[in-house]
Amino acid sequence: MPELVISLVHGVFAGVVYSLTGYLRNRAKVDAALASDHHLSDHEIEKLVEATNFDFGQFLGTVFQGAVIGSVSWLLTQVGIPVTLQGAENILLQTGILAIVRRVYGFAAAKLG
């Protein structure tokens, strides 16, 4: 049982870190755009301000997804498929490669189609 709690805490923590990282990244982009010499229209400024709003509903959804991932990690460990640090790194690497391939495929499909 303690392993389940630890997995849930790790998943929730991952959701919090992911959410805050995305918010801070968006905030930095907005700050850079506002500090640039480029003159922004009122509409552009409105969109930038909108991008910096913290969406609590989306945050809770991401934290919940982290908890689900933590639970799945625990379940996999219980059936004999431990999610080790090396395994998690491999999954993240493959996920990144998949994202790149999907982007290239989408770009190629848009150009060819």
Protein backbone atom coordinates (compact mmCIF):
# COMPACT_ATOMS: atom_id res chain seq x y z
CA MET A 1 0.00 0.00 0.00
CA PRO A 2 2.76 2.54 0.72
CA GLU A 3 4.05 1.98 -2.82
CA LEU A 4 0.67 3.08 -4.20
CA VAL A 5 0.75 6.26 -2.14
CA ILE A 6 4.30 6.98 -3.30
CA SER A 7 3.32 6.41 -6.94
CA LEU A 8 0.31 8.70 -6.55
CA VAL A 9 2.45 11.42 -4.96
CA HIS A 10 4.98 11.12 -7.78
CA GLY A 11 2.22 11.35 -10.39
CA VAL A 12 0.58 14.36 -8.73
CA PHE A 13 3.96 16.06 -8.38
CA ALA A 14 4.64 15.43 -12.08
CA GLY A 15 1.30 17.03 -12.93
CA VAL A 16 2.07 20.09 -10.81
CA VAL A 17 5.56 20.49 -12.28
CA TYR A 18 4.24 20.05 -15.83
CA SER A 19 1.51 22.65 -15.30
CA LEU A 20 3.76 25.21 -13.68
CA THR A 21 6.45 24.75 -16.30
CA GLY A 22 3.93 25.38 -19.08
CA TYR A 23 2.56 28.45 -17.32
CA LEU A 24 6.03 29.90 -16.72
CA ARG A 25 7.05 29.18 -20.32
CA ASN A 26 3.97 30.99 -21.63
CA ARG A 27 4.57 33.86 -19.24
CA ALA A 28 8.19 34.21 -20.42
CA LYS A 29 7.06 34.28 -24.06
CA VAL A 30 4.51 36.98 -23.30
CA ASP A 31 7.01 39.04 -21.32
CA ALA A 32 9.50 38.80 -24.20
CA ALA A 33 6.85 39.84 -26.73
CA LEU A 34 5.77 42.80 -24.62
CA ALA A 35 9.38 43.90 -24.10
CA SER A 36 10.23 43.74 -27.81
CA ASP A 37 10.44 46.81 -30.02
CA HIS A 38 7.65 45.46 -32.20
CA HIS A 39 4.49 47.54 -31.88
CA LEU A 40 1.57 45.36 -30.88
CA SER A 41 -2.05 45.99 -31.74
CA ASP A 42 -4.69 45.99 -29.05
CA HIS A 43 -5.89 42.61 -30.28
CA GLU A 44 -2.37 41.14 -30.04
CA ILE A 45 -1.92 42.50 -26.52
CA GLU A 46 -5.31 41.06 -25.54
CA LYS A 47 -4.26 37.62 -26.84
CA LEU A 48 -0.97 37.83 -24.94
CA VAL A 49 -2.70 38.72 -21.70
CA GLU A 50 -5.14 35.87 -22.25
CA ALA A 51 -2.21 33.46 -22.66
CA THR A 52 -0.88 34.37 -19.22
CA ASN A 53 -4.12 33.59 -17.39
CA PHE A 54 -3.75 30.58 -15.11
CA ASP A 55 -6.48 28.04 -15.96
CA PHE A 56 -7.21 26.31 -12.65
CA GLY A 57 -9.50 23.76 -14.33
CA GLN A 58 -6.78 22.72 -16.73
CA PHE A 59 -4.32 22.59 -13.82
CA LEU A 60 -6.59 20.23 -11.86
CA GLY A 61 -7.06 18.08 -14.96
CA THR A 62 -3.31 17.77 -15.42
CA VAL A 63 -2.79 16.92 -11.75
CA PHE A 64 -5.54 14.28 -12.01
CA GLN A 65 -3.87 12.83 -15.12
CA GLY A 66 -0.62 12.67 -13.16
CA ALA A 67 -2.40 10.72 -10.41
CA VAL A 68 -3.79 8.30 -13.00
CA ILE A 69 -0.32 7.83 -14.47
CA GLY A 70 1.06 7.19 -10.98
CA SER A 71 -1.64 4.57 -10.41
CA VAL A 72 -0.92 2.88 -13.73
CA SER A 73 2.79 2.87 -12.87
CA TRP A 74 1.99 1.14 -9.58
CA LEU A 75 -0.30 -1.38 -11.30
CA LEU A 76 2.38 -2.22 -13.87
CA THR A 77 4.84 -2.81 -11.04
CA GLN A 78 2.33 -5.11 -9.30
CA VAL A 79 1.99 -7.33 -12.37
CA GLY A 80 5.75 -7.63 -12.76
CA ILE A 81 6.55 -4.76 -15.13
CA PRO A 82 8.45 -2.32 -12.95
CA VAL A 83 8.72 1.21 -14.23
CA THR A 84 12.35 1.98 -13.45
CA LEU A 85 14.08 5.31 -13.98
CA GLN A 86 15.73 3.93 -17.11
CA GLY A 87 12.37 2.64 -18.34
CA ALA A 88 10.74 6.03 -17.72
CA GLU A 89 13.58 7.78 -19.60
CA ASN A 90 13.10 5.39 -22.51
CA ILE A 91 9.35 6.05 -22.59
CA LEU A 92 9.96 9.81 -22.55
CA LEU A 93 12.54 9.51 -25.35
CA GLN A 94 10.16 7.47 -27.49
CA THR A 95 7.33 9.90 -26.78
CA GLY A 96 9.51 12.80 -27.93
CA ILE A 97 10.49 10.95 -31.09
CA LEU A 98 6.81 10.15 -31.73
CA ALA A 99 5.90 13.83 -31.34
CA ILE A 100 8.60 14.83 -33.84
CA VAL A 101 7.54 12.18 -36.35
CA ARG A 102 3.89 13.28 -36.08
CA ARG A 103 4.88 16.90 -36.64
CA VAL A 104 6.99 16.02 -39.69
CA TYR A 105 4.17 13.84 -41.01
CA GLY A 106 1.64 16.64 -40.50
CA PHE A 107 3.93 19.13 -42.20
CA ALA A 108 4.54 16.79 -45.14
CA ALA A 109 0.82 16.00 -45.46
CA ALA A 110 -0.02 19.71 -45.50
CA LYS A 111 2.59 20.40 -48.19
CA LEU A 112 1.70 17.42 -50.34
CA GLY A 113 -2.06 17.37 -49.79
